[in-house]
Structures are given as structure tokens and as C-alpha cells.
Protein backbone atom coordinates (compact mmCIF):
# COMPACT_ATOMS: atom_id res chain seq x y z
CA MET A 1 89.04 285.63 -37.00
CA ALA A 2 88.04 288.83 -38.18
CA ARG A 3 86.12 290.05 -34.72
CA LYS A 4 89.21 288.60 -32.75
CA SER A 5 91.14 291.04 -35.17
CA LEU A 6 88.86 293.82 -34.23
CA VAL A 7 88.82 293.24 -30.56
CA GLY A 8 92.52 293.82 -31.02
CA VAL A 9 92.45 297.02 -32.50
CA VAL A 10 90.32 298.64 -30.15
CA ALA A 11 92.25 297.21 -27.39
CA ASP A 12 95.24 299.01 -28.82
CA GLU A 13 93.99 301.98 -29.54
CA LEU A 14 91.86 302.25 -26.22
CA LEU A 15 95.87 301.13 -24.89
CA ASP A 16 97.37 304.03 -26.99
CA ARG A 17 94.90 306.77 -25.42
CA ILE A 18 95.96 305.44 -21.96
CA ILE A 19 100.01 305.49 -22.87
CA SER A 20 99.31 309.17 -24.01
CA GLY A 21 97.93 310.44 -21.05
CA GLU A 22 94.74 310.85 -21.70
CA PHE A 23 93.65 308.30 -18.94
CA LEU A 24 96.01 308.47 -16.14
CA PRO A 25 96.23 305.97 -13.23
CA GLY A 26 93.32 305.70 -11.00
CA ALA A 27 90.97 307.72 -14.06
CA SER A 28 87.68 305.77 -15.30
CA VAL A 29 87.59 304.94 -18.76
CA PRO A 30 84.71 305.50 -21.09
CA GLY A 31 81.83 302.99 -21.12
CA GLU A 32 80.92 300.25 -23.89
CA LEU A 33 77.94 302.62 -25.33
CA GLU A 34 80.75 305.88 -25.84
CA LEU A 35 83.63 303.20 -27.12
CA SER A 36 81.27 301.23 -29.40
CA ALA A 37 80.31 304.58 -30.85
CA ARG A 38 83.71 305.86 -31.34
CA HIS A 39 84.92 302.96 -32.57
CA GLU A 40 82.10 302.13 -34.83
CA VAL A 41 81.72 298.66 -33.30
CA SER A 42 79.55 296.37 -31.14
CA ARG A 43 79.59 296.43 -27.53
CA MET A 44 80.55 292.96 -27.39
CA THR A 45 83.83 293.91 -29.20
CA VAL A 46 84.16 296.48 -27.03
CA ARG A 47 83.52 294.40 -24.04
CA GLU A 48 86.01 291.81 -25.06
CA ALA A 49 88.70 294.12 -25.79
CA MET A 50 88.15 295.78 -22.30
CA LYS A 51 88.55 292.07 -21.30
CA THR A 52 92.36 291.53 -22.68
CA LEU A 53 93.08 294.87 -20.99
CA GLU A 54 92.50 294.09 -17.93
CA ALA A 55 93.55 290.10 -17.93
CA GLN A 56 96.99 292.00 -18.59
CA ARG A 57 95.89 294.53 -15.61
CA ILE A 58 95.95 297.37 -17.33
CA LEU A 59 92.93 297.79 -16.50
CA ARG A 60 90.76 296.96 -13.37
CA VAL A 61 86.77 296.37 -13.05
CA GLU A 62 85.56 297.61 -10.08
CA ARG A 63 81.72 296.41 -9.70
CA GLY A 64 79.32 299.06 -9.22
CA ARG A 65 81.68 301.92 -9.84
CA GLY A 66 83.19 301.41 -13.47
CA THR A 67 86.51 300.22 -15.05
CA PHE A 68 89.48 301.98 -14.03
CA VAL A 69 93.19 302.48 -15.66
CA ASN A 70 96.10 300.86 -13.11
CA PRO A 71 99.51 302.27 -12.60
CA LEU A 72 102.34 301.04 -14.57
CA ASN A 73 103.91 298.60 -12.02
CA ARG A 74 100.70 297.01 -11.45
CA TRP A 75 100.75 295.71 -15.52
CA ALA A 76 101.53 292.57 -16.36
CA SER A 77 102.18 292.90 -20.31
CA LEU A 78 105.81 293.64 -20.77
CA GLU A 79 104.60 294.69 -24.52
CA ALA A 80 102.70 297.16 -22.90
CA VAL A 81 105.23 298.37 -20.08
CA LEU A 82 107.55 298.64 -22.93
CA ARG A 83 105.43 300.92 -25.40
CA ALA A 84 104.40 303.19 -22.01
CA ALA A 85 108.04 303.38 -21.82
CA SER A 86 108.87 304.10 -25.16
CA GLU A 87 105.78 306.35 -26.11
CA GLY A 88 104.22 307.96 -22.79
CA LYS A 89 104.52 311.25 -21.12
CA ASN A 90 106.65 309.62 -17.77
CA ASP A 91 109.82 309.58 -19.92
CA ALA A 92 112.50 310.89 -17.14
CA SER A 93 111.24 307.57 -14.73
CA ALA A 94 110.87 305.33 -17.32
CA ALA A 95 114.55 306.36 -18.34
CA ILE A 96 115.84 305.88 -14.99
CA GLN A 97 114.07 302.38 -14.27
CA LEU A 98 115.22 301.20 -17.24
CA ILE A 99 118.82 301.75 -16.41
CA GLU A 100 117.89 300.22 -12.84
CA LEU A 101 117.00 297.01 -14.76
CA ARG A 102 119.80 296.98 -16.55
CA ARG A 103 122.06 297.18 -13.24
CA MET A 104 120.35 294.57 -12.02
CA LEU A 105 120.57 292.05 -15.07
CA GLU A 106 123.80 293.30 -16.44
CA THR A 107 126.37 293.45 -13.33
CA GLY A 108 125.27 289.59 -13.13
CA ALA A 109 125.49 288.63 -16.60
CA CYS A 110 129.16 290.22 -16.14
CA GLU A 111 130.12 288.48 -13.41
CA LEU A 112 129.18 285.46 -15.04
CA ALA A 113 131.02 285.94 -18.42
CA ALA A 114 134.06 286.57 -16.57
CA GLY A 115 134.35 282.53 -15.83
CA ARG A 116 133.02 281.66 -19.27
CA ILE A 117 134.25 284.27 -21.80
CA GLY A 118 137.10 282.85 -24.27
CA ASP A 119 140.05 284.71 -25.83
CA ALA A 120 137.96 284.99 -28.81
CA GLY A 121 135.36 286.48 -26.93
CA ILE A 122 137.65 289.04 -25.46
CA GLN A 123 139.04 290.61 -28.67
CA ALA A 124 135.16 290.77 -30.40
CA LEU A 125 134.89 293.08 -27.48
CA ARG A 126 137.80 294.89 -28.34
CA GLY A 127 136.77 295.16 -31.47
CA GLN A 128 133.37 296.65 -30.45
CA GLN A 129 135.14 298.88 -28.25
CA GLU A 130 137.48 300.14 -30.74
CA ALA A 131 134.30 300.53 -33.14
CA MET A 132 133.11 302.94 -30.42
CA ARG A 133 136.02 305.35 -30.09
CA LEU A 134 136.23 305.42 -33.84
CA ALA A 135 132.69 306.21 -34.65
CA HIS A 136 133.04 308.67 -31.49
CA GLY A 137 136.03 310.57 -33.30
CA SER A 138 133.66 310.49 -36.79
CA ASN A 139 130.79 311.91 -34.91
CA ASP A 140 128.67 308.58 -36.21
CA VAL A 141 126.07 308.35 -33.74
CA THR A 142 124.50 305.62 -35.31
CA ALA A 143 128.01 303.52 -35.67
CA PHE A 144 128.50 304.51 -31.93
CA VAL A 145 125.25 302.93 -30.98
CA GLU A 146 125.79 299.68 -32.88
CA ALA A 147 128.87 299.02 -31.28
CA ASP A 148 127.62 299.92 -27.87
CA LEU A 149 124.37 297.54 -28.26
CA ALA A 150 126.70 294.54 -29.88
CA PHE A 151 129.06 295.24 -27.14
CA HIS A 152 126.75 294.78 -24.33
CA ASP A 153 124.85 291.85 -26.40
CA LEU A 154 128.66 290.02 -26.63
CA ILE A 155 128.46 289.84 -22.57
CA LEU A 156 125.13 288.96 -22.59
CA GLN A 157 125.83 285.99 -24.61
CA ALA A 158 129.15 285.03 -22.58
CA SER A 159 127.10 284.83 -19.67
CA GLU A 160 125.60 281.43 -21.22
CA ASN A 161 122.40 281.94 -19.28
CA VAL A 162 119.68 281.53 -21.56
CA PHE A 163 117.25 283.15 -19.25
CA VAL A 164 118.94 286.64 -19.16
CA ALA A 165 119.48 286.90 -23.05
CA VAL A 166 115.44 286.21 -23.25
CA LEU A 167 114.86 288.75 -20.77
CA PHE A 168 116.75 291.22 -22.86
CA GLU A 169 115.13 290.59 -26.12
CA PRO A 170 112.06 292.27 -25.79
CA LEU A 171 114.32 295.72 -24.44
CA HIS A 172 115.94 295.88 -27.93
CA ARG A 173 113.88 298.24 -29.58
CA ILE A 174 113.75 300.81 -26.51
CA LEU A 175 117.50 300.26 -25.67
CA GLU A 176 118.40 301.52 -28.92
CA LYS A 177 116.07 304.82 -29.04
CA ARG A 178 117.61 305.54 -25.58
CA ARG A 179 121.59 304.74 -26.45
CA THR A 180 120.66 307.16 -29.66
CA GLU A 181 119.31 309.83 -27.43
CA THR A 182 122.15 309.72 -24.82
CA SER A 183 125.37 309.08 -27.33
CA THR A 184 124.23 312.48 -29.11
CA VAL A 185 126.07 314.09 -26.57
CA PRO A 186 130.03 313.93 -27.00
CA GLU A 187 130.81 313.72 -23.31
CA ILE A 188 128.41 310.67 -22.66
CA GLN A 189 130.21 308.62 -25.80
CA ALA A 190 133.57 309.82 -23.76
CA HIS A 191 132.52 308.72 -20.37
CA ALA A 192 131.11 305.30 -21.84
CA ILE A 193 134.42 304.46 -24.33
CA GLY A 194 136.57 304.71 -21.07
CA HIS A 195 134.37 302.04 -19.04
CA HIS A 196 133.75 299.91 -21.50
CA GLN A 197 137.41 299.40 -21.85
CA GLY A 198 137.26 299.12 -17.88
CA ILE A 199 135.23 296.21 -18.68
CA VAL A 200 136.98 294.48 -21.31
CA ASP A 201 140.24 294.53 -19.13
CA ALA A 202 137.98 293.03 -16.00
CA LEU A 203 136.68 290.22 -18.34
CA ALA A 204 139.98 289.61 -19.52
CA SER A 205 141.32 289.48 -15.78
CA ARG A 206 138.81 286.54 -15.68
CA ASP A 207 138.05 287.87 -12.12
CA PRO A 208 134.05 288.01 -11.63
CA HIS A 209 134.28 290.37 -8.96
CA ARG A 210 136.19 292.90 -10.81
CA ALA A 211 134.03 292.53 -13.97
CA ARG A 212 130.78 292.74 -11.94
CA GLU A 213 132.39 296.01 -10.40
CA ALA A 214 133.27 297.31 -13.79
CA MET A 215 129.92 296.63 -15.25
CA ASP A 216 128.30 298.36 -11.79
CA ALA A 217 130.63 301.32 -12.49
CA HIS A 218 129.51 301.78 -15.83
CA MET A 219 125.82 301.44 -14.86
CA GLN A 220 126.23 304.62 -12.31
CA GLN A 221 127.97 306.64 -14.92
CA THR A 222 125.12 305.91 -17.72
CA LEU A 223 122.63 306.88 -14.92
CA ASP A 224 124.70 310.13 -13.67
CA ASP A 225 125.32 311.17 -17.21
CA LEU A 226 121.46 310.90 -17.93
CA LYS A 227 120.51 312.87 -15.42
CA THR A 228 123.19 315.65 -16.37
CA TYR A 229 123.01 316.02 -20.09
CA VAL A 230 119.84 314.90 -20.54
CA LEU A 231 117.33 315.13 -18.02
CA ALA A 232 118.44 318.47 -16.46
CA ASP A 233 117.27 320.40 -19.37
CA ARG A 234 114.08 318.93 -19.58
CA PRO A 235 110.94 321.02 -17.75
CA ALA A 236 110.02 319.54 -14.74
């Protein structure tokens, strides 16, 4: 068990170096001798750590050439991808792709929820939307983000599709970080409050098509605001 734990430590540290940009996609990683010396472990431990990352498709072995870093879109570990998205250097691309993923999942969840949500669910959504409005008025970013996340969680639950909830659970930490970043902008908060009102009204009408369109409009607003208020100020 001790050696297995050490293998995990070495694998995590090498993944951290990849995520930080020390080893870019397509670059070769150091050999066993160099890594065993750096981490003060045996070559067998390093070999097992490399196999762990290879199994997750983070690394690929080319016989006779060495071990290379795969591009992020080939990785097979959701946990590793989320780490890269929250800690990596290509922050703008990750932020946009996260909204694209949310758009695919949340519009469908909202469509399902329209036919399944009860009156209590609608009232709960109105409560979270009101909490967002109050937090906006008092400039309480933390409370705004909590209410925003809770609003969307209620819709996911109302979809009554267990797979949607399972897919979103690992995203919670990075979604909270992204929401906190964007919600510091008062204009983004104001836009979100308006769109959340539209979503509640659409769900209250029990019209699946209208609900899907309302969530899609919100996702487009989220993307537009990200590009306008957040990414536009960053160096290219």
C-alpha cells in the first residue's frame, strides 16, 4: 500500500508539471532515471506512475522515441481535465468550453424539467432568483454565486434524469470558481438575474420548447458576457 501511495504522489506531481505548462502537448517528459532522482524514488515507482498517466491517456508511449504529453482533448480522466481547466494556462479556452458543455446539458435538462417540475419547485426557483437580486443589491458576490448555483441545481434535479446529476457533480468546484470570477462584474449579475426570471417564467408555463429556449438564451448571454467583461481584458 505504501508503494502504491508513492506511485500516486509521483503521478500527481508529474501531472501538476504538465498542467502548469512545463511540458506542453507533444513534448516529451523526462525519463525514468531523471524522474527517480528528482522524486527520490525507485525507477519501478516512476514506471508505475507513468503507466497511471498513460492509462488515463495523459501520456503516450512511442516505442524507441520516448513518452509524450497528449493534447487535453485526448485525456480520459475527467478529474485530470477539471484540474487542467481550473489550474492550467489556457484559461480562456477552458472557460469557453465549459459554457459550451453547460449549454449542451442544461438546455436539455431545462426542457425535461418543464414537464416534470411541480409548484414547489417553481417557488424554490423564484426564491433563489430573489436571493440573487438581493445579493446583487448588497454587492454580496458570495451570496449571489450560492443562489445562482442553487438555482441551476434545482433545474437539474427537476429534470429527474439521474445521469445529468452525475455528470454535473464533478463540475461543481470549477463552476463555483468560474461563477465567482464572472459575478464580480455588476453588469453580468444584472443580465443573469433577468435571464433567470425568463427561465422561471418559461418553466412555470410548462412549455418544454420555451424552457429550452430560455436556458439557451441564458447560456448565450453567459458566453457573451464572459468574452466582453472578463476575457477582453486579458492579454492575448
